[in-house]
Amino acid sequence: MRIVNIITLLLVIIGGINWLLVGLADTDLVATLFGGQDSTFSVVVYVLVGLSAIWQLGPLFRAMSADQTAAEANSIRH
């Protein structure tokens, strides 16, 4: 599960950076790299980023329900 958490976190970060570029420079880097917003590759990336955000809700809620020490120990152990 740790590898899934790392991959999904990286995808969420990529999505956040992409939105930053859209907001600041009106540039969709994913669309630029993969042939436009409607290309299959872009759509796959957008879907993976969205699913990754949903996946990351689990670790967020677990961390919020645990005290700080337990949340930190859990993140280091796994």
N, C-alpha and C. Protein backbone atom coordinates (compact mmCIF):
# COMPACT_ATOMS: atom_id res chain seq x y z
N MET A 1 0.81 -1.20 0.00
CA MET A 1 0.00 0.00 0.00
C MET A 1 0.85 1.26 0.00
N ARG A 2 2.05 1.18 0.56
CA ARG A 2 2.87 2.38 0.63
C ARG A 2 3.21 2.90 -0.77
N ILE A 3 3.50 1.99 -1.70
CA ILE A 3 3.85 2.42 -3.05
C ILE A 3 2.66 3.10 -3.72
N VAL A 4 1.45 2.60 -3.45
CA VAL A 4 0.25 3.24 -4.01
C VAL A 4 0.09 4.63 -3.43
N ASN A 5 0.32 4.78 -2.13
CA ASN A 5 0.23 6.11 -1.52
C ASN A 5 1.25 7.07 -2.10
N ILE A 6 2.45 6.60 -2.35
CA ILE A 6 3.49 7.47 -2.92
C ILE A 6 3.13 7.87 -4.34
N ILE A 7 2.70 6.91 -5.14
CA ILE A 7 2.34 7.21 -6.53
C ILE A 7 1.16 8.17 -6.59
N THR A 8 0.13 7.90 -5.76
CA THR A 8 -1.03 8.79 -5.80
C THR A 8 -0.69 10.18 -5.29
N LEU A 9 0.17 10.27 -4.29
CA LEU A 9 0.59 11.58 -3.81
C LEU A 9 1.35 12.34 -4.89
N LEU A 10 2.23 11.65 -5.60
CA LEU A 10 2.96 12.30 -6.70
C LEU A 10 2.00 12.79 -7.79
N LEU A 11 1.00 11.99 -8.10
CA LEU A 11 0.02 12.41 -9.12
C LEU A 11 -0.79 13.61 -8.65
N VAL A 12 -1.13 13.66 -7.37
CA VAL A 12 -1.85 14.82 -6.84
C VAL A 12 -0.96 16.06 -6.91
N ILE A 13 0.31 15.91 -6.63
CA ILE A 13 1.25 17.04 -6.72
C ILE A 13 1.37 17.51 -8.17
N ILE A 14 1.48 16.57 -9.09
CA ILE A 14 1.53 16.93 -10.52
C ILE A 14 0.27 17.69 -10.92
N GLY A 15 -0.88 17.19 -10.46
CA GLY A 15 -2.13 17.88 -10.76
C GLY A 15 -2.17 19.28 -10.18
N GLY A 16 -1.67 19.43 -8.97
CA GLY A 16 -1.63 20.75 -8.35
C GLY A 16 -0.72 21.71 -9.09
N ILE A 17 0.42 21.23 -9.53
CA ILE A 17 1.34 22.06 -10.31
C ILE A 17 0.70 22.44 -11.65
N ASN A 18 0.00 21.49 -12.26
CA ASN A 18 -0.68 21.78 -13.52
C ASN A 18 -1.72 22.88 -13.32
N TRP A 19 -2.51 22.80 -12.23
CA TRP A 19 -3.51 23.84 -11.97
C TRP A 19 -2.84 25.18 -11.66
N LEU A 20 -1.69 25.15 -11.00
CA LEU A 20 -0.95 26.39 -10.76
C LEU A 20 -0.58 27.05 -12.09
N LEU A 21 -0.09 26.24 -13.03
CA LEU A 21 0.28 26.78 -14.34
C LEU A 21 -0.94 27.29 -15.11
N VAL A 22 -2.07 26.60 -14.97
CA VAL A 22 -3.30 27.06 -15.62
C VAL A 22 -3.70 28.41 -15.05
N GLY A 23 -3.62 28.54 -13.73
CA GLY A 23 -4.02 29.79 -13.09
C GLY A 23 -3.09 30.96 -13.35
N LEU A 24 -1.79 30.69 -13.33
CA LEU A 24 -0.82 31.78 -13.47
C LEU A 24 -0.46 32.10 -14.92
N ALA A 25 -0.38 31.08 -15.74
CA ALA A 25 0.14 31.28 -17.09
C ALA A 25 -0.83 30.83 -18.18
N ASP A 26 -2.05 30.44 -17.79
CA ASP A 26 -3.04 29.96 -18.75
C ASP A 26 -2.46 28.86 -19.64
N THR A 27 -1.66 27.99 -19.03
CA THR A 27 -1.01 26.89 -19.75
C THR A 27 -1.34 25.57 -19.07
N ASP A 28 -1.94 24.67 -19.81
CA ASP A 28 -2.23 23.32 -19.31
C ASP A 28 -1.07 22.43 -19.76
N LEU A 29 -0.15 22.17 -18.84
CA LEU A 29 1.05 21.42 -19.17
C LEU A 29 0.72 19.99 -19.61
N VAL A 30 -0.26 19.36 -18.97
CA VAL A 30 -0.66 18.01 -19.36
C VAL A 30 -1.14 18.00 -20.80
N ALA A 31 -2.00 18.94 -21.15
CA ALA A 31 -2.51 19.03 -22.52
C ALA A 31 -1.38 19.32 -23.51
N THR A 32 -0.46 20.19 -23.11
CA THR A 32 0.66 20.52 -23.98
C THR A 32 1.54 19.30 -24.24
N LEU A 33 1.81 18.54 -23.19
CA LEU A 33 2.69 17.38 -23.33
C LEU A 33 2.03 16.22 -24.07
N PHE A 34 0.72 16.07 -23.93
CA PHE A 34 0.06 14.88 -24.44
C PHE A 34 -0.91 15.14 -25.58
N GLY A 35 -0.81 16.27 -26.25
CA GLY A 35 -1.57 16.48 -27.48
C GLY A 35 -2.94 17.10 -27.34
N GLY A 36 -3.16 17.92 -26.34
CA GLY A 36 -4.44 18.61 -26.19
C GLY A 36 -5.29 17.99 -25.10
N GLN A 37 -6.27 18.76 -24.63
CA GLN A 37 -7.12 18.31 -23.53
C GLN A 37 -7.97 17.10 -23.88
N ASP A 38 -8.30 16.94 -25.15
CA ASP A 38 -9.18 15.85 -25.56
C ASP A 38 -8.43 14.59 -25.98
N SER A 39 -7.10 14.63 -25.96
CA SER A 39 -6.35 13.44 -26.36
C SER A 39 -6.52 12.35 -25.31
N THR A 40 -6.41 11.13 -25.73
CA THR A 40 -6.58 9.99 -24.83
C THR A 40 -5.60 10.04 -23.68
N PHE A 41 -4.35 10.36 -23.96
CA PHE A 41 -3.33 10.40 -22.91
C PHE A 41 -3.64 11.47 -21.87
N SER A 42 -4.08 12.65 -22.33
CA SER A 42 -4.44 13.71 -21.38
C SER A 42 -5.60 13.30 -20.51
N VAL A 43 -6.61 12.71 -21.11
CA VAL A 43 -7.78 12.27 -20.35
C VAL A 43 -7.37 11.23 -19.31
N VAL A 44 -6.49 10.31 -19.69
CA VAL A 44 -6.02 9.29 -18.74
C VAL A 44 -5.29 9.96 -17.57
N VAL A 45 -4.45 10.93 -17.86
CA VAL A 45 -3.73 11.63 -16.80
C VAL A 45 -4.71 12.36 -15.89
N TYR A 46 -5.69 13.07 -16.47
CA TYR A 46 -6.67 13.79 -15.66
C TYR A 46 -7.44 12.83 -14.76
N VAL A 47 -7.85 11.69 -15.30
CA VAL A 47 -8.60 10.70 -14.51
C VAL A 47 -7.72 10.13 -13.41
N LEU A 48 -6.46 9.81 -13.72
CA LEU A 48 -5.56 9.27 -12.70
C LEU A 48 -5.30 10.28 -11.58
N VAL A 49 -5.17 11.55 -11.93
CA VAL A 49 -4.97 12.58 -10.91
C VAL A 49 -6.21 12.69 -10.03
N GLY A 50 -7.39 12.67 -10.64
CA GLY A 50 -8.62 12.74 -9.86
C GLY A 50 -8.81 11.54 -8.94
N LEU A 51 -8.55 10.34 -9.46
CA LEU A 51 -8.65 9.14 -8.64
C LEU A 51 -7.62 9.16 -7.52
N SER A 52 -6.44 9.70 -7.81
CA SER A 52 -5.39 9.81 -6.79
C SER A 52 -5.82 10.74 -5.66
N ALA A 53 -6.49 11.82 -6.01
CA ALA A 53 -6.99 12.74 -4.99
C ALA A 53 -8.00 12.04 -4.09
N ILE A 54 -8.89 11.26 -4.69
CA ILE A 54 -9.86 10.51 -3.89
C ILE A 54 -9.14 9.50 -3.00
N TRP A 55 -8.16 8.81 -3.53
CA TRP A 55 -7.39 7.82 -2.76
C TRP A 55 -6.72 8.49 -1.55
N GLN A 56 -6.18 9.69 -1.76
CA GLN A 56 -5.46 10.39 -0.70
C GLN A 56 -6.37 10.87 0.42
N LEU A 57 -7.68 10.84 0.22
CA LEU A 57 -8.59 11.18 1.31
C LEU A 57 -8.47 10.18 2.46
N GLY A 58 -8.20 8.91 2.14
CA GLY A 58 -8.03 7.89 3.18
C GLY A 58 -6.92 8.22 4.14
N PRO A 59 -5.68 8.43 3.65
CA PRO A 59 -4.60 8.80 4.57
C PRO A 59 -4.87 10.11 5.31
N LEU A 60 -5.54 11.05 4.64
CA LEU A 60 -5.86 12.32 5.30
C LEU A 60 -6.79 12.10 6.48
N PHE A 61 -7.87 11.34 6.28
CA PHE A 61 -8.82 11.10 7.36
C PHE A 61 -8.21 10.27 8.47
N ARG A 62 -7.35 9.30 8.12
CA ARG A 62 -6.68 8.52 9.15
C ARG A 62 -5.77 9.41 9.99
N ALA A 63 -5.06 10.32 9.35
CA ALA A 63 -4.17 11.23 10.08
C ALA A 63 -4.97 12.19 10.95
N MET A 64 -6.13 12.61 10.47
CA MET A 64 -6.95 13.54 11.25
C MET A 64 -7.59 12.86 12.46
N SER A 65 -7.85 11.56 12.35
CA SER A 65 -8.50 10.86 13.45
C SER A 65 -7.50 10.38 14.50
N ALA A 66 -6.23 10.34 14.16
CA ALA A 66 -5.19 9.93 15.11
C ALA A 66 -4.54 11.17 15.70
N ASP A 67 -3.90 11.01 16.83
CA ASP A 67 -3.16 12.14 17.35
C ASP A 67 -1.89 12.33 16.51
N GLN A 68 -1.25 13.44 16.65
CA GLN A 68 -0.10 13.79 15.80
C GLN A 68 1.00 12.75 15.88
N THR A 69 1.35 12.29 17.07
CA THR A 69 2.41 11.31 17.23
C THR A 69 2.09 10.01 16.51
N ALA A 70 0.87 9.54 16.66
CA ALA A 70 0.47 8.29 16.02
C ALA A 70 0.46 8.44 14.50
N ALA A 71 0.01 9.59 14.01
CA ALA A 71 -0.01 9.81 12.57
C ALA A 71 1.40 9.82 12.00
N GLU A 72 2.32 10.46 12.69
CA GLU A 72 3.70 10.50 12.22
C GLU A 72 4.34 9.12 12.29
N ALA A 73 4.10 8.38 13.34
CA ALA A 73 4.65 7.04 13.47
C ALA A 73 4.11 6.13 12.40
N ASN A 74 2.84 6.27 12.08
CA ASN A 74 2.20 5.45 11.06
C ASN A 74 2.78 5.74 9.68
N SER A 75 3.06 7.01 9.39
CA SER A 75 3.59 7.36 8.09
C SER A 75 5.04 6.89 7.93
N ILE A 76 5.79 6.84 9.00
CA ILE A 76 7.18 6.39 8.94
C ILE A 76 7.24 4.87 8.85
N ARG A 77 6.40 4.20 9.59
CA ARG A 77 6.42 2.75 9.67
C ARG A 77 6.03 2.10 8.35
N HIS A 78 5.08 2.65 7.61
CA HIS A 78 4.59 2.02 6.39
C HIS A 78 5.40 2.53 5.28
